[in-house]
């Protein structure tokens, strides 16, 4: 994949995201760096890359749903979708600190679940983590969880709409 080949060649290095530090505990930060043009999620490596074109701006580790392998089939399966979607909304009032909504389900997801007589589900987000939960463990219902400090930074950097690619 693109990200693996870039790192294998040693051609990319993570850059400072220019997101303001947060010493006062404010959850809304400012960001003055390059535009995030896409988000790339590698589920198998548990690595999220915020990209400006082909340049990696920031990298994060994360947790997934309680059944992380494979593409989300239907509501309640604990899987995280795979494929191309959009970050289509930012939620400042998330139950998990802050969150960015992934545009799942798309028409193909809806048709697949419907062919099984099931709902595809929805409400897939990149979000923060409750107190006492390790953000890198697989505990969500299909979302992508990072630490609260990291979601503050991501929330400041990613605008809607931004493409997101979730790879197996």
N, C-alpha and C. Protein backbone atom coordinates (compact mmCIF):
# COMPACT_ATOMS: atom_id res chain seq x y z
N UNK A 1 0.83 -1.18 0.00
CA UNK A 1 0.00 0.00 0.00
C UNK A 1 0.87 1.25 0.00
N UNK A 2 0.23 2.38 -0.28
CA UNK A 2 0.95 3.65 -0.36
C UNK A 2 1.78 3.93 0.88
N UNK A 3 1.15 3.88 2.04
CA UNK A 3 1.84 4.24 3.27
C UNK A 3 3.00 3.30 3.53
N UNK A 4 2.79 2.01 3.39
CA UNK A 4 3.88 1.05 3.63
C UNK A 4 5.03 1.30 2.69
N UNK A 5 4.76 1.59 1.40
CA UNK A 5 5.85 1.82 0.46
C UNK A 5 6.61 3.09 0.79
N UNK A 6 5.92 4.12 1.23
CA UNK A 6 6.60 5.36 1.61
C UNK A 6 7.54 5.11 2.77
N UNK A 7 7.07 4.39 3.79
CA UNK A 7 7.93 4.13 4.94
C UNK A 7 9.04 3.17 4.60
N UNK A 8 8.78 2.19 3.73
CA UNK A 8 9.81 1.24 3.35
C UNK A 8 10.96 1.94 2.64
N UNK A 9 10.66 2.96 1.88
CA UNK A 9 11.69 3.70 1.17
C UNK A 9 12.36 4.74 2.05
N UNK A 10 11.77 4.97 3.21
CA UNK A 10 12.33 5.98 4.10
C UNK A 10 12.16 7.38 3.55
N UNK A 11 11.21 7.57 2.65
CA UNK A 11 11.04 8.86 1.99
C UNK A 11 10.17 9.83 2.76
N UNK A 12 9.50 9.35 3.80
CA UNK A 12 8.62 10.24 4.55
C UNK A 12 8.96 10.21 6.01
N UNK A 13 8.81 11.33 6.62
CA UNK A 13 8.98 11.42 8.07
C UNK A 13 7.79 12.17 8.62
N UNK A 14 7.35 11.77 9.78
CA UNK A 14 6.22 12.47 10.40
C UNK A 14 6.64 13.90 10.73
N UNK A 15 5.80 14.84 10.40
CA UNK A 15 6.08 16.24 10.64
C UNK A 15 5.29 16.73 11.83
N UNK A 16 5.74 17.80 12.40
CA UNK A 16 4.96 18.43 13.46
C UNK A 16 3.65 18.92 12.88
N UNK A 17 2.58 18.67 13.59
CA UNK A 17 1.26 19.04 13.08
C UNK A 17 0.93 20.49 13.35
N UNK A 18 1.73 21.19 14.11
CA UNK A 18 1.48 22.59 14.41
C UNK A 18 0.20 22.80 15.19
N UNK A 19 -0.34 21.76 15.80
CA UNK A 19 -1.53 21.93 16.64
C UNK A 19 -1.06 22.51 17.96
N UNK A 20 -1.78 23.49 18.42
CA UNK A 20 -1.39 24.15 19.66
C UNK A 20 -1.43 23.16 20.82
N UNK A 21 -0.48 23.30 21.72
CA UNK A 21 -0.52 22.47 22.93
C UNK A 21 -1.73 22.90 23.76
N UNK A 22 -2.03 22.10 24.76
CA UNK A 22 -3.27 22.32 25.49
C UNK A 22 -3.04 22.35 27.00
N UNK A 23 -2.21 23.27 27.49
CA UNK A 23 -1.91 23.26 28.92
C UNK A 23 -3.09 23.64 29.81
N UNK A 24 -4.05 24.38 29.30
CA UNK A 24 -5.17 24.84 30.13
C UNK A 24 -6.32 23.84 30.18
N UNK A 25 -6.21 22.72 29.47
CA UNK A 25 -7.26 21.72 29.49
C UNK A 25 -8.41 22.02 28.55
N UNK A 26 -8.27 22.98 27.67
CA UNK A 26 -9.31 23.27 26.69
C UNK A 26 -9.37 22.14 25.67
N UNK A 27 -10.58 21.69 25.32
CA UNK A 27 -10.65 20.59 24.37
C UNK A 27 -10.66 21.07 22.92
N UNK A 28 -10.85 22.37 22.69
CA UNK A 28 -10.83 22.89 21.32
C UNK A 28 -9.51 23.60 21.08
N UNK A 29 -8.75 23.06 20.16
CA UNK A 29 -7.43 23.60 19.83
C UNK A 29 -7.47 24.31 18.49
N UNK A 30 -6.41 25.03 18.21
CA UNK A 30 -6.26 25.65 16.89
C UNK A 30 -5.17 24.92 16.15
N UNK A 31 -5.25 24.96 14.84
CA UNK A 31 -4.26 24.32 13.97
C UNK A 31 -3.94 25.26 12.84
N UNK A 32 -2.66 25.48 12.61
CA UNK A 32 -2.24 26.41 11.57
C UNK A 32 -1.29 25.78 10.56
N UNK A 33 -1.30 24.47 10.46
CA UNK A 33 -0.39 23.78 9.55
C UNK A 33 -1.03 23.48 8.21
N UNK A 34 -0.38 22.63 7.43
CA UNK A 34 -0.92 22.24 6.11
C UNK A 34 -2.28 21.56 6.24
N UNK A 35 -3.12 21.74 5.25
CA UNK A 35 -4.45 21.14 5.22
C UNK A 35 -4.35 19.61 5.22
N UNK A 36 -5.18 18.96 6.02
CA UNK A 36 -5.30 17.51 5.96
C UNK A 36 -6.19 17.20 4.77
N UNK A 37 -5.62 16.56 3.75
CA UNK A 37 -6.36 16.27 2.53
C UNK A 37 -6.96 14.87 2.53
N UNK A 38 -6.47 13.99 3.41
CA UNK A 38 -7.07 12.66 3.55
C UNK A 38 -6.60 12.03 4.85
N UNK A 39 -7.38 11.04 5.28
CA UNK A 39 -7.05 10.24 6.46
C UNK A 39 -6.92 8.81 5.97
N UNK A 40 -5.84 8.14 6.36
CA UNK A 40 -5.59 6.76 5.96
C UNK A 40 -5.51 5.91 7.23
N UNK A 41 -6.36 4.89 7.31
CA UNK A 41 -6.41 3.99 8.46
C UNK A 41 -5.90 2.62 8.02
N UNK A 42 -4.88 2.11 8.67
CA UNK A 42 -4.39 0.75 8.43
C UNK A 42 -4.80 -0.08 9.64
N UNK A 43 -5.90 -0.84 9.51
CA UNK A 43 -6.43 -1.59 10.64
C UNK A 43 -5.44 -2.63 11.15
N UNK A 44 -4.74 -3.32 10.26
CA UNK A 44 -3.85 -4.39 10.71
C UNK A 44 -2.67 -3.85 11.51
N UNK A 45 -2.18 -2.68 11.16
CA UNK A 45 -1.07 -2.06 11.89
C UNK A 45 -1.54 -1.13 13.00
N UNK A 46 -2.86 -0.91 13.09
CA UNK A 46 -3.44 0.02 14.06
C UNK A 46 -2.78 1.39 13.94
N UNK A 47 -2.63 1.85 12.69
CA UNK A 47 -1.99 3.14 12.44
C UNK A 47 -2.91 4.04 11.62
N UNK A 48 -3.10 5.26 12.11
CA UNK A 48 -3.87 6.28 11.41
C UNK A 48 -2.90 7.36 10.96
N UNK A 49 -3.00 7.73 9.69
CA UNK A 49 -2.14 8.75 9.12
C UNK A 49 -3.00 9.93 8.66
N UNK A 50 -2.66 11.11 9.10
CA UNK A 50 -3.26 12.32 8.58
C UNK A 50 -2.31 12.83 7.50
N UNK A 51 -2.83 12.98 6.28
CA UNK A 51 -1.99 13.30 5.13
C UNK A 51 -2.32 14.66 4.54
N UNK A 52 -1.30 15.33 4.07
CA UNK A 52 -1.45 16.48 3.18
C UNK A 52 -0.90 16.01 1.84
N UNK A 53 -1.81 15.71 0.93
CA UNK A 53 -1.46 15.04 -0.33
C UNK A 53 -0.76 13.72 0.02
N UNK A 54 0.52 13.55 -0.30
CA UNK A 54 1.21 12.30 0.04
C UNK A 54 2.17 12.46 1.21
N UNK A 55 2.11 13.58 1.89
CA UNK A 55 2.99 13.88 3.02
C UNK A 55 2.29 13.53 4.33
N UNK A 56 2.93 12.71 5.14
CA UNK A 56 2.36 12.34 6.43
C UNK A 56 2.57 13.49 7.41
N UNK A 57 1.46 14.02 7.94
CA UNK A 57 1.54 15.10 8.92
C UNK A 57 1.63 14.54 10.34
N UNK A 58 0.80 13.57 10.64
CA UNK A 58 0.76 12.96 11.98
C UNK A 58 0.37 11.50 11.86
N UNK A 59 0.80 10.71 12.85
CA UNK A 59 0.48 9.29 12.93
C UNK A 59 -0.04 9.00 14.34
N UNK A 60 -1.07 8.16 14.43
CA UNK A 60 -1.67 7.80 15.71
C UNK A 60 -1.90 6.29 15.77
N UNK A 61 -1.84 5.73 16.96
CA UNK A 61 -2.26 4.35 17.22
C UNK A 61 -3.70 4.41 17.73
N UNK A 62 -4.46 3.34 17.59
CA UNK A 62 -5.87 3.39 17.94
C UNK A 62 -6.41 2.01 18.29
N UNK A 63 -7.59 2.01 18.86
CA UNK A 63 -8.36 0.79 19.10
C UNK A 63 -9.55 0.74 18.16
N UNK A 64 -10.05 -0.47 17.94
CA UNK A 64 -11.18 -0.68 17.01
C UNK A 64 -12.35 -1.32 17.74
N UNK A 65 -13.26 -1.87 16.96
CA UNK A 65 -14.39 -2.59 17.50
C UNK A 65 -13.96 -3.89 18.15
N UNK A 66 -14.87 -4.49 18.90
CA UNK A 66 -14.55 -5.71 19.66
C UNK A 66 -14.34 -6.92 18.76
N UNK A 67 -14.68 -6.83 17.47
CA UNK A 67 -14.41 -7.90 16.49
C UNK A 67 -13.75 -7.22 15.28
N UNK A 68 -12.49 -6.86 15.39
CA UNK A 68 -11.89 -5.91 14.44
C UNK A 68 -11.59 -6.44 13.03
N UNK A 69 -11.52 -7.74 12.84
CA UNK A 69 -11.11 -8.24 11.52
C UNK A 69 -12.28 -8.30 10.56
N UNK A 70 -12.04 -7.86 9.33
CA UNK A 70 -13.05 -7.89 8.29
C UNK A 70 -13.85 -6.61 8.22
N UNK A 71 -14.56 -6.49 7.10
CA UNK A 71 -15.40 -5.31 6.83
C UNK A 71 -16.72 -5.42 7.60
N UNK A 72 -17.18 -4.30 8.10
CA UNK A 72 -18.46 -4.27 8.81
C UNK A 72 -19.56 -4.81 7.89
N UNK A 73 -20.34 -5.77 8.37
CA UNK A 73 -21.40 -6.38 7.60
C UNK A 73 -22.78 -5.85 7.98
N UNK A 74 -23.00 -5.69 9.30
CA UNK A 74 -24.31 -5.27 9.78
C UNK A 74 -24.17 -4.71 11.20
N UNK A 75 -25.22 -4.04 11.62
CA UNK A 75 -25.26 -3.43 12.94
C UNK A 75 -25.02 -4.48 14.03
N UNK A 76 -24.14 -4.14 14.96
CA UNK A 76 -23.89 -5.01 16.10
C UNK A 76 -22.79 -6.04 15.91
N UNK A 77 -22.14 -6.07 14.73
CA UNK A 77 -21.11 -7.10 14.52
C UNK A 77 -19.76 -6.73 15.11
N UNK A 78 -19.60 -5.51 15.64
CA UNK A 78 -18.36 -5.10 16.29
C UNK A 78 -17.21 -4.84 15.35
N UNK A 79 -17.48 -4.81 14.06
CA UNK A 79 -16.42 -4.56 13.07
C UNK A 79 -16.38 -3.09 12.67
N UNK A 80 -15.23 -2.69 12.16
CA UNK A 80 -15.03 -1.35 11.63
C UNK A 80 -15.08 -1.46 10.11
N UNK A 81 -15.80 -0.57 9.43
CA UNK A 81 -15.89 -0.66 7.97
C UNK A 81 -14.52 -0.57 7.31
N UNK A 82 -14.45 -1.05 6.08
CA UNK A 82 -13.25 -0.95 5.25
C UNK A 82 -13.65 -0.35 3.91
N UNK A 83 -12.76 0.47 3.36
CA UNK A 83 -13.03 1.09 2.07
C UNK A 83 -12.92 2.59 2.16
N UNK A 84 -13.40 3.24 1.12
CA UNK A 84 -13.35 4.70 1.03
C UNK A 84 -14.63 5.33 1.52
N UNK A 85 -14.51 6.28 2.42
CA UNK A 85 -15.65 7.01 2.98
C UNK A 85 -15.25 8.48 3.09
N UNK A 86 -16.04 9.24 3.82
CA UNK A 86 -15.76 10.65 4.08
C UNK A 86 -15.86 10.92 5.58
N UNK A 87 -15.02 11.79 6.08
CA UNK A 87 -15.30 12.43 7.36
C UNK A 87 -16.31 13.50 7.00
N UNK A 88 -17.57 13.30 7.42
CA UNK A 88 -18.62 14.19 6.94
C UNK A 88 -19.19 15.11 8.01
N UNK A 89 -18.76 14.96 9.26
CA UNK A 89 -19.23 15.87 10.32
C UNK A 89 -18.31 15.78 11.52
N UNK A 90 -18.21 16.87 12.25
CA UNK A 90 -17.47 16.90 13.51
C UNK A 90 -18.47 17.11 14.64
N UNK A 91 -18.32 16.34 15.72
CA UNK A 91 -19.26 16.39 16.83
C UNK A 91 -18.56 16.92 18.09
N UNK A 92 -18.85 18.17 18.48
CA UNK A 92 -18.23 18.73 19.67
C UNK A 92 -18.86 18.21 20.97
N UNK A 93 -20.01 17.53 20.88
CA UNK A 93 -20.74 17.05 22.05
C UNK A 93 -20.75 15.53 22.14
N UNK A 94 -19.70 14.90 21.71
CA UNK A 94 -19.60 13.45 21.69
C UNK A 94 -19.64 12.86 23.10
N UNK A 95 -20.18 11.66 23.22
CA UNK A 95 -20.09 10.91 24.48
C UNK A 95 -18.65 10.50 24.77
N UNK A 96 -17.79 10.58 23.77
CA UNK A 96 -16.38 10.20 23.90
C UNK A 96 -15.48 11.39 23.60
N UNK A 97 -15.69 12.47 24.32
CA UNK A 97 -14.90 13.69 24.32
C UNK A 97 -15.18 14.54 23.06
N UNK A 98 -14.65 14.16 21.92
CA UNK A 98 -14.91 14.78 20.63
C UNK A 98 -14.98 13.66 19.61
N UNK A 99 -15.62 13.90 18.47
CA UNK A 99 -15.64 12.83 17.46
C UNK A 99 -15.80 13.39 16.05
N UNK A 100 -15.36 12.58 15.09
CA UNK A 100 -15.48 12.87 13.67
C UNK A 100 -16.26 11.71 13.05
N UNK A 101 -17.36 12.03 12.36
CA UNK A 101 -18.21 10.98 11.81
C UNK A 101 -17.71 10.49 10.46
N UNK A 102 -17.70 9.16 10.31
CA UNK A 102 -17.36 8.49 9.05
C UNK A 102 -18.68 8.24 8.32
N UNK A 103 -18.71 8.45 7.02
CA UNK A 103 -19.94 8.40 6.23
C UNK A 103 -20.52 7.00 6.00
N UNK A 104 -20.09 6.01 6.76
CA UNK A 104 -20.68 4.67 6.69
C UNK A 104 -22.12 4.73 7.17
N UNK A 105 -23.06 4.04 6.53
CA UNK A 105 -22.91 3.12 5.40
C UNK A 105 -23.06 3.85 4.06
N UNK A 106 -22.39 3.31 3.04
CA UNK A 106 -22.61 3.79 1.68
C UNK A 106 -23.67 2.89 1.04
N UNK A 107 -24.11 3.16 -0.17
CA UNK A 107 -25.16 2.33 -0.78
C UNK A 107 -24.80 0.84 -0.88
N UNK A 108 -23.54 0.52 -1.15
CA UNK A 108 -23.14 -0.90 -1.22
C UNK A 108 -23.24 -1.56 0.16
N UNK A 109 -22.87 -0.85 1.21
CA UNK A 109 -22.98 -1.39 2.57
C UNK A 109 -24.44 -1.65 2.92
N UNK A 110 -25.31 -0.72 2.55
CA UNK A 110 -26.73 -0.86 2.84
C UNK A 110 -27.31 -2.05 2.08
N UNK A 111 -26.93 -2.21 0.81
CA UNK A 111 -27.43 -3.33 0.01
C UNK A 111 -26.94 -4.66 0.56
N UNK A 112 -25.66 -4.72 0.96
CA UNK A 112 -25.10 -5.97 1.49
C UNK A 112 -25.84 -6.40 2.75
N UNK A 113 -26.01 -5.48 3.68
CA UNK A 113 -26.72 -5.80 4.92
C UNK A 113 -28.17 -6.16 4.62
N UNK A 114 -28.80 -5.43 3.70
CA UNK A 114 -30.18 -5.71 3.34
C UNK A 114 -30.34 -7.10 2.75
N UNK A 115 -29.35 -7.56 1.99
CA UNK A 115 -29.42 -8.90 1.40
C UNK A 115 -29.38 -9.99 2.47
N UNK A 116 -28.90 -9.64 3.67
CA UNK A 116 -28.87 -10.57 4.81
C UNK A 116 -30.07 -10.33 5.73
N UNK A 117 -30.94 -9.42 5.33
CA UNK A 117 -32.08 -9.10 6.18
C UNK A 117 -31.72 -8.32 7.42
N UNK A 118 -30.61 -7.57 7.35
CA UNK A 118 -30.10 -6.84 8.51
C UNK A 118 -29.96 -5.36 8.19
N UNK A 119 -29.83 -4.56 9.21
CA UNK A 119 -29.50 -3.15 9.09
C UNK A 119 -27.97 -3.02 9.01
N UNK A 120 -27.45 -2.10 8.19
CA UNK A 120 -26.00 -1.94 8.13
C UNK A 120 -25.42 -1.28 9.38
N UNK A 121 -26.27 -0.66 10.17
CA UNK A 121 -25.78 0.11 11.30
C UNK A 121 -25.32 1.47 10.83
N UNK A 122 -24.61 2.15 11.65
CA UNK A 122 -24.14 3.49 11.34
C UNK A 122 -23.44 4.05 12.56
N UNK A 123 -23.39 5.36 12.63
CA UNK A 123 -22.74 6.02 13.76
C UNK A 123 -21.32 5.52 13.99
N UNK A 124 -20.54 5.47 12.91
CA UNK A 124 -19.12 5.12 13.00
C UNK A 124 -18.35 6.42 13.10
N UNK A 125 -17.51 6.51 14.13
CA UNK A 125 -16.76 7.73 14.41
C UNK A 125 -15.30 7.43 14.72
N UNK A 126 -14.47 8.45 14.55
CA UNK A 126 -13.16 8.51 15.21
C UNK A 126 -13.44 9.32 16.46
N UNK A 127 -13.13 8.77 17.64
CA UNK A 127 -13.48 9.48 18.86
C UNK A 127 -12.46 9.22 19.97
N UNK A 128 -12.66 9.95 21.08
CA UNK A 128 -11.82 9.80 22.25
C UNK A 128 -12.19 8.56 23.05
N UNK A 129 -11.69 8.52 24.28
CA UNK A 129 -11.78 7.32 25.10
C UNK A 129 -12.25 7.66 26.51
N UNK A 130 -13.16 6.84 27.07
CA UNK A 130 -13.58 7.09 28.46
C UNK A 130 -12.42 6.93 29.44
N UNK A 131 -12.53 7.58 30.57
CA UNK A 131 -11.52 7.46 31.62
C UNK A 131 -11.33 6.00 32.01
N UNK A 132 -10.08 5.59 32.11
CA UNK A 132 -9.76 4.23 32.53
C UNK A 132 -9.70 3.21 31.41
N UNK A 133 -9.99 3.62 30.17
CA UNK A 133 -9.93 2.69 29.03
C UNK A 133 -8.70 3.01 28.20
N UNK A 134 -7.93 1.99 27.85
CA UNK A 134 -6.75 2.16 27.00
C UNK A 134 -7.23 2.36 25.57
N UNK A 135 -6.86 3.47 24.96
CA UNK A 135 -7.34 3.80 23.62
C UNK A 135 -6.83 2.84 22.56
N UNK A 136 -5.81 2.04 22.84
CA UNK A 136 -5.29 1.12 21.83
C UNK A 136 -5.85 -0.29 21.95
N UNK A 137 -6.78 -0.53 22.88
CA UNK A 137 -7.43 -1.83 22.95
C UNK A 137 -8.70 -1.80 22.08
N UNK A 138 -9.17 -2.97 21.68
CA UNK A 138 -10.35 -3.07 20.82
C UNK A 138 -11.59 -3.20 21.70
N UNK A 139 -12.27 -2.09 21.92
CA UNK A 139 -13.39 -2.05 22.85
C UNK A 139 -14.64 -1.41 22.27
N UNK A 140 -14.55 -0.75 21.12
CA UNK A 140 -15.70 0.00 20.60
C UNK A 140 -16.70 -0.94 19.92
N UNK A 141 -17.80 -0.37 19.46
CA UNK A 141 -18.80 -1.14 18.72
C UNK A 141 -18.53 -1.10 17.21
N UNK A 142 -17.38 -0.57 16.82
CA UNK A 142 -17.01 -0.49 15.41
C UNK A 142 -16.33 0.82 15.06
N UNK A 143 -16.17 1.68 16.04
CA UNK A 143 -15.52 2.97 15.84
C UNK A 143 -14.00 2.84 15.93
N UNK A 144 -13.34 3.98 15.76
CA UNK A 144 -11.89 4.09 15.84
C UNK A 144 -11.61 4.99 17.03
N UNK A 145 -10.95 4.46 18.06
CA UNK A 145 -10.74 5.21 19.31
C UNK A 145 -9.28 5.60 19.48
N UNK A 146 -9.07 6.85 19.82
CA UNK A 146 -7.75 7.38 20.16
C UNK A 146 -7.86 8.01 21.55
N UNK A 147 -6.75 8.43 22.11
CA UNK A 147 -6.79 9.10 23.41
C UNK A 147 -7.51 10.44 23.28
N UNK A 148 -7.97 10.97 24.38
CA UNK A 148 -8.65 12.26 24.36
C UNK A 148 -7.72 13.38 23.90
N UNK A 149 -6.47 13.32 24.30
CA UNK A 149 -5.49 14.31 23.86
C UNK A 149 -5.33 14.23 22.34
N UNK A 150 -5.28 13.02 21.80
CA UNK A 150 -5.12 12.85 20.35
C UNK A 150 -6.37 13.29 19.59
N UNK A 151 -7.58 12.99 20.11
CA UNK A 151 -8.78 13.42 19.38
C UNK A 151 -8.89 14.93 19.37
N UNK A 152 -8.40 15.60 20.39
CA UNK A 152 -8.38 17.07 20.36
C UNK A 152 -7.52 17.58 19.21
N UNK A 153 -6.36 16.95 19.03
CA UNK A 153 -5.47 17.35 17.95
C UNK A 153 -6.09 17.02 16.59
N UNK A 154 -6.62 15.80 16.44
CA UNK A 154 -7.24 15.38 15.18
C UNK A 154 -8.42 16.29 14.84
N UNK A 155 -9.25 16.57 15.83
CA UNK A 155 -10.43 17.42 15.65
C UNK A 155 -10.04 18.80 15.13
N UNK A 156 -8.92 19.31 15.60
CA UNK A 156 -8.47 20.63 15.15
C UNK A 156 -7.90 20.60 13.73
N UNK A 157 -7.42 19.44 13.30
CA UNK A 157 -6.74 19.33 12.01
C UNK A 157 -7.64 18.92 10.85
N UNK A 158 -8.63 18.07 11.09
CA UNK A 158 -9.44 17.49 10.02
C UNK A 158 -10.76 18.25 9.90
N UNK A 159 -11.08 18.66 8.71
CA UNK A 159 -12.33 19.38 8.43
C UNK A 159 -13.24 18.47 7.61
N UNK A 160 -14.54 18.74 7.67
CA UNK A 160 -15.49 18.00 6.84
C UNK A 160 -15.78 18.83 5.59
N UNK A 161 -15.84 18.20 4.43
CA UNK A 161 -15.60 16.79 4.15
C UNK A 161 -14.13 16.51 3.85
N UNK A 162 -13.63 15.42 4.37
CA UNK A 162 -12.28 14.93 4.09
C UNK A 162 -12.38 13.44 3.79
N UNK A 163 -11.77 12.96 2.70
CA UNK A 163 -11.81 11.52 2.44
C UNK A 163 -11.05 10.71 3.49
N UNK A 164 -11.58 9.54 3.82
CA UNK A 164 -10.94 8.62 4.74
C UNK A 164 -10.91 7.26 4.08
N UNK A 165 -9.75 6.61 4.11
CA UNK A 165 -9.55 5.29 3.53
C UNK A 165 -9.23 4.34 4.66
N UNK A 166 -10.10 3.35 4.86
CA UNK A 166 -9.92 2.39 5.94
C UNK A 166 -9.55 1.06 5.30
N UNK A 167 -8.31 0.64 5.54
CA UNK A 167 -7.76 -0.55 4.90
C UNK A 167 -7.68 -1.70 5.90
N UNK A 168 -7.83 -2.95 5.38
CA UNK A 168 -7.78 -4.13 6.28
C UNK A 168 -6.49 -4.22 7.10
